[in-house]
C-alpha atoms as a PDB file:
ATOM      1  CA  MET A   1     -11.711  18.743   2.560  1.00  0.00           C
ATOM      2  CA  GLU A   2      -9.611  16.968   0.394  1.00  0.00           C
ATOM      3  CA  LEU A   3      -7.580  14.071   2.706  1.00  0.00           C
ATOM      4  CA  PRO A   4      -3.768  14.228   2.554  1.00  0.00           C
ATOM      5  CA  LEU A   5      -1.559  11.655   1.395  1.00  0.00           C
ATOM      6  CA  VAL A   6       1.076  11.372   4.419  1.00  0.00           C
ATOM      7  CA  VAL A   7       4.616  10.180   4.805  1.00  0.00           C
ATOM      8  CA  GLY A   8       6.523   8.908   7.301  1.00  0.00           C
ATOM      9  CA  VAL A   9       9.738  10.579   7.093  1.00  0.00           C
ATOM     10  CA  ASP A  10      13.107   9.931   8.879  1.00  0.00           C
ATOM     11  CA  GLY A  11      16.159  11.506   6.692  1.00  0.00           C
ATOM     12  CA  SER A  12      16.553   7.864   5.130  1.00  0.00           C
ATOM     13  CA  GLU A  13      16.862   7.435   1.658  1.00  0.00           C
ATOM     14  CA  PRO A  14      13.997   5.037   1.153  1.00  0.00           C
ATOM     15  CA  SER A  15      11.950   7.542   2.829  1.00  0.00           C
ATOM     16  CA  LEU A  16      12.815  10.231   0.582  1.00  0.00           C
ATOM     17  CA  ARG A  17      12.056   8.041  -1.907  1.00  0.00           C
ATOM     18  CA  ALA A  18       8.558   7.839  -0.451  1.00  0.00           C
ATOM     19  CA  VAL A  19       8.473  11.765  -0.411  1.00  0.00           C
ATOM     20  CA  ASP A  20       9.154  11.462  -4.072  1.00  0.00           C
ATOM     21  CA  TRP A  21       6.290   9.062  -4.997  1.00  0.00           C
ATOM     22  CA  ALA A  22       3.754  10.893  -2.708  1.00  0.00           C
ATOM     23  CA  THR A  23       4.681  13.977  -4.229  1.00  0.00           C
ATOM     24  CA  ASP A  24       4.201  12.766  -7.304  1.00  0.00           C
ATOM     25  CA  ASP A  25       0.906  11.045  -6.897  1.00  0.00           C
ATOM     26  CA  ALA A  26      -0.535  14.226  -4.573  1.00  0.00           C
ATOM     27  CA  ALA A  27      -0.070  16.376  -7.979  1.00  0.00           C
ATOM     28  CA  LEU A  28      -1.875  14.384  -9.849  1.00  0.00           C
ATOM     29  CA  ARG A  29      -4.699  14.005  -7.479  1.00  0.00           C
ATOM     30  CA  GLY A  30      -4.748  17.843  -6.455  1.00  0.00           C
ATOM     31  CA  ALA A  31      -4.284  16.669  -2.859  1.00  0.00           C
ATOM     32  CA  PRO A  32      -1.995  18.062   0.277  1.00  0.00           C
ATOM     33  CA  LEU A  33       1.135  15.996   1.501  1.00  0.00           C
ATOM     34  CA  ARG A  34       1.872  15.680   5.356  1.00  0.00           C
ATOM     35  CA  LEU A  35       5.116  14.924   6.067  1.00  0.00           C
ATOM     36  CA  VAL A  36       5.432  13.284   9.192  1.00  0.00           C
ATOM     37  CA  TYR A  37       8.670  12.657  11.952  1.00  0.00           C
ATOM     38  CA  ALA A  38       8.298  10.710  14.696  1.00  0.00           C
ATOM     39  CA  SER A  39      10.572  11.903  17.794  1.00  0.00           C
ATOM     40  CA  LEU A  40      10.632  11.195  21.324  1.00  0.00           C
ATOM     41  CA  TRP A  41      13.446  13.397  22.261  1.00  0.00           C
ATOM     42  CA  GLU A  42      10.585  15.831  24.300  1.00  0.00           C
ATOM     43  CA  ARG A  43       9.864  12.881  26.630  1.00  0.00           C
ATOM     44  CA  TYR A  44      13.372  11.994  27.139  1.00  0.00           C
ATOM     45  CA  GLU A  45      14.876  15.341  27.995  1.00  0.00           C
ATOM     46  CA  GLY A  46      11.421  17.113  29.268  1.00  0.00           C
ATOM     47  CA  ALA A  47       9.226  19.248  27.938  1.00  0.00           C
ATOM     48  CA  ALA A  48      11.212  22.305  29.831  1.00  0.00           C
ATOM     49  CA  LEU A  49      14.099  21.594  27.301  1.00  0.00           C
ATOM     50  CA  ALA A  50      11.945  22.430  24.776  1.00  0.00           C
ATOM     51  CA  GLU A  51      10.356  25.563  25.725  1.00  0.00           C
ATOM     52  CA  GLY A  52      13.922  26.801  26.596  1.00  0.00           C
ATOM     53  CA  PRO A  53      15.946  29.749  24.659  1.00  0.00           C
ATOM     54  CA  GLY A  54      17.939  26.912  23.047  1.00  0.00           C
ATOM     55  CA  ARG A  55      17.197  23.626  20.851  1.00  0.00           C
ATOM     56  CA  SER A  56      18.617  20.436  21.513  1.00  0.00           C
ATOM     57  CA  SER A  57      20.612  18.450  19.093  1.00  0.00           C
ATOM     58  CA  GLU A  58      17.285  16.242  18.693  1.00  0.00           C
ATOM     59  CA  GLN A  59      15.009  18.707  18.285  1.00  0.00           C
ATOM     60  CA  MET A  60      17.538  20.591  15.708  1.00  0.00           C
ATOM     61  CA  MET A  61      18.025  17.090  13.741  1.00  0.00           C
ATOM     62  CA  ALA A  62      14.118  16.250  13.637  1.00  0.00           C
ATOM     63  CA  ASP A  63      13.241  19.747  12.198  1.00  0.00           C
ATOM     64  CA  ASN A  64      15.969  19.239   9.677  1.00  0.00           C
ATOM     65  CA  ILE A  65      14.704  16.117   8.672  1.00  0.00           C
ATOM     66  CA  VAL A  66      11.134  17.318   7.887  1.00  0.00           C
ATOM     67  CA  GLU A  67      12.334  20.455   6.329  1.00  0.00           C
ATOM     68  CA  THR A  68      14.953  19.036   4.183  1.00  0.00           C
ATOM     69  CA  ALA A  69      11.972  16.497   2.655  1.00  0.00           C
ATOM     70  CA  ALA A  70       9.633  19.755   2.802  1.00  0.00           C
ATOM     71  CA  ARG A  71      11.945  21.163   0.270  1.00  0.00           C
ATOM     72  CA  ARG A  72      12.548  18.087  -1.830  1.00  0.00           C
ATOM     73  CA  ALA A  73       8.695  17.948  -2.129  1.00  0.00           C
ATOM     74  CA  HIS A  74       8.134  21.469  -3.055  1.00  0.00           C
ATOM     75  CA  ARG A  75      11.220  21.388  -5.607  1.00  0.00           C
ATOM     76  CA  ARG A  76       9.551  18.233  -7.192  1.00  0.00           C
ATOM     77  CA  ALA A  77       6.137  19.722  -7.405  1.00  0.00           C
ATOM     78  CA  PRO A  78       5.619  23.051  -6.045  1.00  0.00           C
ATOM     79  CA  GLU A  79       1.781  23.321  -6.732  1.00  0.00           C
ATOM     80  CA  VAL A  80       1.280  20.791  -3.562  1.00  0.00           C
ATOM     81  CA  LYS A  81       0.427  22.024  -0.690  1.00  0.00           C
ATOM     82  CA  VAL A  82       2.482  20.769   2.080  1.00  0.00           C
ATOM     83  CA  THR A  83       2.984  20.558   6.106  1.00  0.00           C
ATOM     84  CA  THR A  84       5.273  19.416   8.353  1.00  0.00           C
ATOM     85  CA  HIS A  85       5.164  17.570  11.573  1.00  0.00           C
ATOM     86  CA  VAL A  86       7.572  16.303  14.317  1.00  0.00           C
ATOM     87  CA  LEU A  87       5.075  14.308  16.843  1.00  0.00           C
ATOM     88  CA  PRO A  88       6.242  12.887  20.252  1.00  0.00           C
ATOM     89  CA  ASP A  89       5.769   9.304  19.971  1.00  0.00           C
ATOM     90  CA  ASP A  90       7.059   6.261  18.587  1.00  0.00           C
ATOM     91  CA  ALA A  91       6.896   6.278  14.645  1.00  0.00           C
ATOM     92  CA  ALA A  92       4.163   3.236  14.456  1.00  0.00           C
ATOM     93  CA  SER A  93       2.104   4.911  17.137  1.00  0.00           C
ATOM     94  CA  VAL A  94       2.393   8.254  14.953  1.00  0.00           C
ATOM     95  CA  LEU A  95       1.673   6.808  11.550  1.00  0.00           C
ATOM     96  CA  LEU A  96      -1.386   4.585  12.927  1.00  0.00           C
ATOM     97  CA  ASN A  97      -2.708   7.716  14.617  1.00  0.00           C
ATOM     98  CA  GLU A  98      -2.139   9.438  11.236  1.00  0.00           C
ATOM     99  CA  ALA A  99      -3.808   6.828   9.659  1.00  0.00           C
ATOM    100  CA  HIS A 100      -7.764   7.989  10.441  1.00  0.00           C
ATOM    101  CA  THR A 101      -7.527  11.314   9.134  1.00  0.00           C
ATOM    102  CA  ALA A 102      -5.260  10.425   5.942  1.00  0.00           C
ATOM    103  CA  ALA A 103      -6.454   9.375   2.546  1.00  0.00           C
ATOM    104  CA  ALA A 104      -3.213   6.719   2.601  1.00  0.00           C
ATOM    105  CA  LEU A 105      -0.231   6.504   4.119  1.00  0.00           C
ATOM    106  CA  VAL A 106       3.233   6.154   1.854  1.00  0.00           C
ATOM    107  CA  LEU A 107       6.533   4.529   3.559  1.00  0.00           C
ATOM    108  CA  GLY A 108       9.550   3.593   2.468  1.00  0.00           C
ATOM    109  CA  SER A 109      10.975   0.351   2.254  1.00  0.00           C
ATOM    110  CA  ARG A 110      14.540  -0.212   3.554  1.00  0.00           C
ATOM    111  CA  GLY A 111      15.607  -3.428   2.027  1.00  0.00           C
ATOM    112  CA  ARG A 112      19.093  -3.385   1.099  1.00  0.00           C
ATOM    113  CA  GLY A 113      19.262  -6.315  -1.382  1.00  0.00           C
ATOM    114  CA  GLY A 114      19.886 -10.349   0.173  1.00  0.00           C
ATOM    115  CA  LEU A 115      18.311 -11.385   3.248  1.00  0.00           C
ATOM    116  CA  ALA A 116      17.422  -7.396   4.243  1.00  0.00           C
ATOM    117  CA  GLU A 117      15.259  -7.095   1.273  1.00  0.00           C
ATOM    118  CA  LEU A 118      13.035  -9.840   2.173  1.00  0.00           C
ATOM    119  CA  LEU A 119      12.618  -8.805   5.692  1.00  0.00           C
ATOM    120  CA  LEU A 120      10.155  -5.694   6.042  1.00  0.00           C
ATOM    121  CA  GLY A 121      10.737  -3.410   8.745  1.00  0.00           C
ATOM    122  CA  SER A 122       8.471  -3.669  11.721  1.00  0.00           C
ATOM    123  CA  VAL A 123       7.118  -0.321  11.489  1.00  0.00           C
ATOM    124  CA  SER A 124       5.753  -0.771   8.048  1.00  0.00           C
ATOM    125  CA  LEU A 125       4.736  -4.155   8.770  1.00  0.00           C
ATOM    126  CA  THR A 126       2.751  -2.844  11.915  1.00  0.00           C
ATOM    127  CA  VAL A 127       1.387   0.097  10.263  1.00  0.00           C
ATOM    128  CA  ALA A 128       0.193  -2.152   7.392  1.00  0.00           C
ATOM    129  CA  GLY A 129      -1.513  -4.159   9.602  1.00  0.00           C
ATOM    130  CA  ARG A 130      -3.430  -2.128  12.005  1.00  0.00           C
ATOM    131  CA  ALA A 131      -3.616   0.903   9.711  1.00  0.00           C
ATOM    132  CA  ALA A 132      -7.735   2.203   9.313  1.00  0.00           C
ATOM    133  CA  CYS A 133      -6.425   4.208   5.600  1.00  0.00           C
ATOM    134  CA  PRO A 134      -4.689   2.089   2.864  1.00  0.00           C
ATOM    135  CA  VAL A 135      -1.027   1.757   3.454  1.00  0.00           C
ATOM    136  CA  ILE A 136       1.546   2.035   0.098  1.00  0.00           C
ATOM    137  CA  VAL A 137       5.094   0.303   0.786  1.00  0.00           C
ATOM    138  CA  LEU A 138       7.787   0.634  -1.649  1.00  0.00           C
ATOM    139  CA  ARG A 139       8.386  -2.438  -1.962  1.00  0.00           C
ATOM    140  CA  GLY A 140      11.208  -3.767  -4.867  1.00  0.00           C
ATOM    141  CA  ASP A 141      14.418  -2.039  -5.771  1.00  0.00           C
ATOM    142  CA  GLN A 142      14.869   1.933  -6.580  1.00  0.00           C
ATOM    143  CA  ASP A 143      14.327   0.944 -10.688  1.00  0.00           C
ATOM    144  CA  ASN A 144      11.146  -0.528  -9.864  1.00  0.00           C
ATOM    145  CA  GLN A 145       9.703   1.874  -8.139  1.00  0.00           C
ATOM    146  CA  ALA A 146       8.482   4.245 -10.667  1.00  0.00           C
ATOM    147  CA  GLY A 147       7.158   7.849 -10.103  1.00  0.00           C
ATOM    148  CA  ALA A 148       3.332   7.899  -9.409  1.00  0.00           C
ATOM    149  CA  THR A 149       3.407   9.983 -12.837  1.00  0.00           C
ATOM    150  CA  THR A 150       4.812   7.129 -14.666  1.00  0.00           C
ATOM    151  CA  TYR A 151       2.530   4.277 -14.248  1.00  0.00           C
ATOM    152  CA  ARG A 152       1.965   1.758 -16.222  1.00  0.00           C
ATOM    153  CA  ARG A 153       0.366  -1.159 -14.587  1.00  0.00           C
ATOM    154  CA  VAL A 154      -1.478  -1.595 -11.693  1.00  0.00           C
ATOM    155  CA  VAL A 155      -2.331  -5.088 -10.207  1.00  0.00           C
ATOM    156  CA  LEU A 156      -5.405  -6.148  -7.976  1.00  0.00           C
ATOM    157  CA  GLY A 157      -5.619  -9.650  -6.164  1.00  0.00           C
ATOM    158  CA  VAL A 158      -9.204 -10.485  -6.237  1.00  0.00           C
ATOM    159  CA  GLY A 159     -10.709 -11.919  -3.491  1.00  0.00           C
ATOM    160  CA  GLU A 160     -13.423 -13.774  -2.472  1.00  0.00           C
ATOM    161  CA  GLU A 161     -16.219 -10.882  -1.732  1.00  0.00           C
ATOM    162  CA  PRO A 162     -18.812 -11.204  -4.606  1.00  0.00           C
ATOM    163  CA  HIS A 163     -19.209  -7.532  -4.825  1.00  0.00           C
ATOM    164  CA  GLY A 164     -16.436  -5.651  -4.847  1.00  0.00           C
ATOM    165  CA  THR A 165     -14.364  -4.387  -1.824  1.00  0.00           C
ATOM    166  CA  VAL A 166     -12.572  -1.180  -0.516  1.00  0.00           C
ATOM    167  CA  ALA A 167      -9.377  -2.554  -2.591  1.00  0.00           C
ATOM    168  CA  THR A 168     -11.614  -3.001  -5.772  1.00  0.00           C
ATOM    169  CA  ARG A 169     -12.558   0.619  -5.777  1.00  0.00           C
ATOM    170  CA  PHE A 170      -9.074   1.860  -4.770  1.00  0.00           C
ATOM    171  CA  ALA A 171      -7.051   0.083  -7.409  1.00  0.00           C
ATOM    172  CA  PHE A 172      -9.788   1.447 -10.359  1.00  0.00           C
ATOM    173  CA  GLU A 173      -9.287   4.982  -8.987  1.00  0.00           C
ATOM    174  CA  GLU A 174      -5.171   4.420  -9.047  1.00  0.00           C
ATOM    175  CA  ALA A 175      -5.861   3.049 -12.417  1.00  0.00           C
ATOM    176  CA  GLU A 176      -8.021   6.136 -13.785  1.00  0.00           C
ATOM    177  CA  VAL A 177      -5.576   8.857 -11.983  1.00  0.00           C
ATOM    178  CA  HIS A 178      -2.479   7.524 -13.667  1.00  0.00           C
ATOM    179  CA  LYS A 179      -3.817   6.306 -16.721  1.00  0.00           C
ATOM    180  CA  ALA A 180      -3.040   2.946 -16.443  1.00  0.00           C
ATOM    181  CA  THR A 181      -3.755  -0.800 -17.443  1.00  0.00           C
ATOM    182  CA  LEU A 182      -5.471  -2.701 -14.523  1.00  0.00           C
ATOM    183  CA  ASP A 183      -5.200  -6.285 -14.510  1.00  0.00           C
ATOM    184  CA  ALA A 184      -7.382  -7.968 -11.883  1.00  0.00           C
ATOM    185  CA  VAL A 185      -6.160 -11.523 -10.998  1.00  0.00           C
ATOM    186  CA  ARG A 186      -7.953 -14.439  -9.354  1.00  0.00           C
ATOM    187  CA  ALA A 187      -6.358 -17.425  -8.309  1.00  0.00           C
ATOM    188  CA  TRP A 188      -8.075 -20.679  -8.092  1.00  0.00           C
ATOM    189  CA  ARG A 189      -6.945 -24.381  -7.085  1.00  0.00           C
ATOM    190  CA  CYS A 190      -8.726 -27.506  -7.721  1.00  0.00           C
ATOM    191  CA  PRO A 191      -8.448 -29.668  -4.711  1.00  0.00           C
ATOM    192  CA  ALA A 192      -6.449 -32.763  -4.606  1.00  0.00           C
ATOM    193  CA  TYR A 193      -8.982 -35.055  -2.873  1.00  0.00           C
ATOM    194  CA  GLU A 194     -11.685 -34.096  -5.343  1.00  0.00           C
ATOM    195  CA  SER A 195     -11.582 -36.807  -8.543  1.00  0.00           C
ATOM    196  CA  ALA A 196     -13.449 -37.513 -11.504  1.00  0.00           C
ATOM    197  CA  ASP A 197     -15.101 -40.286  -8.866  1.00  0.00           C
ATOM    198  CA  ASP A 198     -17.396 -37.359  -7.774  1.00  0.00           C
ATOM    199  CA  PRO A 199     -20.125 -37.373 -10.721  1.00  0.00           C
ATOM    200  CA  LEU A 200     -20.553 -33.464 -10.710  1.00  0.00           C
ATOM    201  CA  LEU A 201     -16.804 -33.192 -11.669  1.00  0.00           C
ATOM    202  CA  GLU A 202     -16.566 -36.019 -14.034  1.00  0.00           C
ATOM    203  CA  GLY A 203     -14.397 -35.194 -16.684  1.00  0.00           C
ATOM    204  CA  GLU A 204     -12.736 -31.943 -16.327  1.00  0.00           C
ATOM    205  CA  PRO A 205     -12.519 -31.256 -12.549  1.00  0.00           C
ATOM    206  CA  ALA A 206     -10.720 -28.227 -12.858  1.00  0.00           C
ATOM    207  CA  ARG A 207     -12.944 -26.479 -15.090  1.00  0.00           C
ATOM    208  CA  LEU A 208     -15.857 -25.894 -12.645  1.00  0.00           C
ATOM    209  CA  HIS A 209     -13.017 -24.262 -10.204  1.00  0.00           C
ATOM    210  CA  GLU A 210     -12.012 -22.410 -12.987  1.00  0.00           C
ATOM    211  CA  GLN A 211     -15.358 -20.982 -13.988  1.00  0.00           C
ATOM    212  CA  ARG A 212     -16.269 -20.277 -10.471  1.00  0.00           C
ATOM    213  CA  ALA A 213     -13.413 -18.100 -10.370  1.00  0.00           C
ATOM    214  CA  ALA A 214     -14.292 -16.176 -13.126  1.00  0.00           C
ATOM    215  CA  GLU A 215     -17.649 -15.665 -11.618  1.00  0.00           C
ATOM    216  CA  ILE A 216     -16.173 -14.385  -8.535  1.00  0.00           C
ATOM    217  CA  MET A 217     -13.792 -12.015 -10.474  1.00  0.00           C
ATOM    218  CA  GLU A 218     -16.943 -10.838 -12.458  1.00  0.00           C
ATOM    219  CA  SER A 219     -19.075 -10.176  -9.499  1.00  0.00           C
ATOM    220  CA  ALA A 220     -16.312  -8.428  -8.227  1.00  0.00           C
ATOM    221  CA  LEU A 221     -15.430  -5.762 -10.766  1.00  0.00           C
ATOM    222  CA  SER A 222     -18.924  -5.152 -12.521  1.00  0.00           C
ATOM    223  CA  LYS A 223     -19.813  -2.290 -10.313  1.00  0.00           C
ATOM    224  CA  ALA A 224     -16.313  -0.425 -10.043  1.00  0.00           C
ATOM    225  CA  ALA A 225     -15.549  -1.218 -13.741  1.00  0.00           C
ATOM    226  CA  ASP A 226     -19.555   0.343 -14.813  1.00  0.00           C
ATOM    227  CA  GLU A 227     -18.140   3.468 -12.935  1.00  0.00           C
ATOM    228  CA  HIS A 228     -14.714   3.922 -14.722  1.00  0.00           C
ATOM    229  CA  PRO A 229     -15.398   3.183 -17.996  1.00  0.00           C
ATOM    230  CA  ALA A 230     -11.878   4.572 -19.276  1.00  0.00           C
ATOM    231  CA  VAL A 231      -9.784   2.519 -17.437  1.00  0.00           C
ATOM    232  CA  ASP A 232      -8.208  -0.121 -19.219  1.00  0.00           C
ATOM    233  CA  LEU A 233      -9.010  -3.653 -17.637  1.00  0.00           C
ATOM    234  CA  HIS A 234      -7.704  -7.265 -18.307  1.00  0.00           C
ATOM    235  CA  ARG A 235      -9.346  -9.887 -16.275  1.00  0.00           C
ATOM    236  CA  ARG A 236      -7.338 -13.075 -15.634  1.00  0.00           C
ATOM    237  CA  THR A 237      -7.571 -16.186 -13.955  1.00  0.00           C
ATOM    238  CA  ALA A 238      -4.927 -18.522 -13.049  1.00  0.00           C
ATOM    239  CA  GLU A 239      -4.010 -21.996 -10.922  1.00  0.00           C
ATOM    240  CA  GLY A 240      -2.220 -21.680  -7.901  1.00  0.00           C
ATOM    241  CA  SER A 241      -1.785 -20.288  -4.380  1.00  0.00           C
ATOM    242  CA  ALA A 242      -2.690 -16.715  -4.871  1.00  0.00           C
ATOM    243  CA  ARG A 243       0.433 -15.488  -3.428  1.00  0.00           C
ATOM    244  CA  ARG A 244       2.714 -17.429  -5.990  1.00  0.00           C
ATOM    245  CA  ILE A 245       0.691 -15.566  -8.641  1.00  0.00           C
ATOM    246  CA  LEU A 246       0.712 -12.186  -7.067  1.00  0.00           C
ATOM    247  CA  LEU A 247       4.273 -12.278  -6.823  1.00  0.00           C
ATOM    248  CA  ASP A 248       4.450 -13.117 -10.546  1.00  0.00           C
ATOM    249  CA  ALA A 249       2.130 -10.598 -11.031  1.00  0.00           C
ATOM    250  CA  SER A 250       4.498  -8.135  -9.405  1.00  0.00           C
ATOM    251  CA  ASP A 251       7.194  -8.387 -11.848  1.00  0.00           C
ATOM    252  CA  GLY A 252       6.928  -5.383 -13.885  1.00  0.00           C
ATOM    253  CA  ALA A 253       3.869  -3.925 -12.162  1.00  0.00           C
ATOM    254  CA  ASP A 254       4.077  -0.331 -10.983  1.00  0.00           C
ATOM    255  CA  LEU A 255       1.283  -1.276  -7.943  1.00  0.00           C
ATOM    256  CA  LEU A 256       0.025  -4.156  -6.580  1.00  0.00           C
ATOM    257  CA  VAL A 257      -3.339  -3.328  -4.640  1.00  0.00           C
ATOM    258  CA  VAL A 258      -4.238  -6.084  -2.038  1.00  0.00           C
ATOM    259  CA  GLY A 259      -7.083  -5.866   0.419  1.00  0.00           C
ATOM    260  CA  VAL A 260      -7.366  -7.226   4.177  1.00  0.00           C
ATOM    261  CA  ARG A 261      -9.976  -7.448   6.325  1.00  0.00           C
ATOM    262  CA  ARG A 262      -9.931  -5.911   9.967  1.00  0.00           C
ATOM    263  CA  HIS A 263     -11.923  -7.617  12.633  1.00  0.00           C
ATOM    264  CA  HIS A 264     -13.565  -5.272  15.081  1.00  0.00           C
ATOM    265  CA  GLY A 265     -12.039  -5.858  18.474  1.00  0.00           C
ATOM    266  CA  LEU A 266      -9.196  -8.032  17.725  1.00  0.00           C
ATOM    267  CA  ALA A 267      -5.832  -6.719  18.576  1.00  0.00           C
ATOM    268  CA  GLY A 268      -2.199  -7.079  16.715  1.00  0.00           C
ATOM    269  CA  LEU A 269      -1.690  -7.776  13.038  1.00  0.00           C
ATOM    270  CA  GLN A 270      -4.687  -7.713  10.503  1.00  0.00           C
ATOM    271  CA  LEU A 271      -2.798  -8.635   7.615  1.00  0.00           C
ATOM    272  CA  GLY A 272      -3.206 -12.534   6.579  1.00  0.00           C
ATOM    273  CA  ARG A 273      -0.850 -14.364   4.817  1.00  0.00           C
ATOM    274  CA  ILE A 274      -1.319 -13.295   1.134  1.00  0.00           C
ATOM    275  CA  ALA A 275      -0.722  -9.478   2.518  1.00  0.00           C
ATOM    276  CA  HIS A 276       2.025 -10.404   4.447  1.00  0.00           C
ATOM    277  CA  THR A 277       4.022 -12.522   1.943  1.00  0.00           C
ATOM    278  CA  LEU A 278       3.595 -10.024  -0.586  1.00  0.00           C
ATOM    279  CA  LEU A 279       4.809  -7.348   1.504  1.00  0.00           C
ATOM    280  CA  HIS A 280       7.864  -8.952   2.032  1.00  0.00           C
ATOM    281  CA  HIS A 281       8.747 -10.486  -1.304  1.00  0.00           C
ATOM    282  CA  SER A 282       6.785  -8.132  -3.845  1.00  0.00           C
ATOM    283  CA  ALA A 283       9.014  -7.192  -6.706  1.00  0.00           C
ATOM    284  CA  CYS A 284       6.929  -3.590  -6.964  1.00  0.00           C
ATOM    285  CA  PRO A 285       5.225  -0.830  -4.319  1.00  0.00           C
ATOM    286  CA  VAL A 286       2.327  -2.761  -2.423  1.00  0.00           C
ATOM    287  CA  ALA A 287      -0.822  -1.057  -1.327  1.00  0.00           C
ATOM    288  CA  VAL A 288      -2.550  -2.551   1.742  1.00  0.00           C
ATOM    289  CA  VAL A 289      -6.436  -1.513   1.373  1.00  0.00           C
ATOM    290  CA  PRO A 290      -8.198  -2.576   4.841  1.00  0.00           C
ATOM    291  CA  GLN A 291     -11.844  -3.443   4.688  1.00  0.00           C
ATOM    292  CA  ARG A 292     -13.935  -3.634   8.015  1.00  0.00           C
ATOM    293  CA  GLY A 293     -15.164  -7.419   8.627  1.00  0.00           C
END
């Protein structure tokens, strides 16, 4: 059974753009779409009211939000199977629970320019830091949030893992489904304490680090590249911090994919500095893909 794409909706324009994006993606994949709204009206007003002859204003509002989102999705792609659910809990808890049976979660970003654009909402940050499935946050302004049918370029941040990751496979699948170019980027740095005094580094101390970055990238990509030969893959190593290089790469991209490692038993956010920075400042949508460590 095909897992659904799940969208958290709340009636806001960013959440409706997330519905558009996810609807396009679901149509391409032949996947179902699940629209969820978190509502605590039952908790506050009591289950008895929910079973009464009339509907509370909160219940009507919740139903209207998901019904409006469903109509929007149906107009955009009538062939996509859409289900709606109003769930009695806070938004982060609802989405984290949905993540266990979702292909991916798709969330809108509420940034409105200036300082607000630099600050990701607490719900999106919490979900990205703890979800069991990929989380796609529609960062960037509206003009840089291309529909899922108009992908041209996917960027993958290649990490330390020598044999590829879940994020690597996810990026290749996204590029293949959308017929997009995949730009794989690996950052490297030459530590300041290393010098030509070290006989192993004599002449070109940076060259060894660049070569090592290329080797890591090749190891990480080789299996997925063989499995997806149709993907137009471009490899690039660059000197500098991974955060700066990936932020630069997000400019003009349609999706930026980064992996994060989940450590069993640890509470709280498990994002890492790179993913945290990208979620706050990326110029395009970001896919945070978890891998168990």
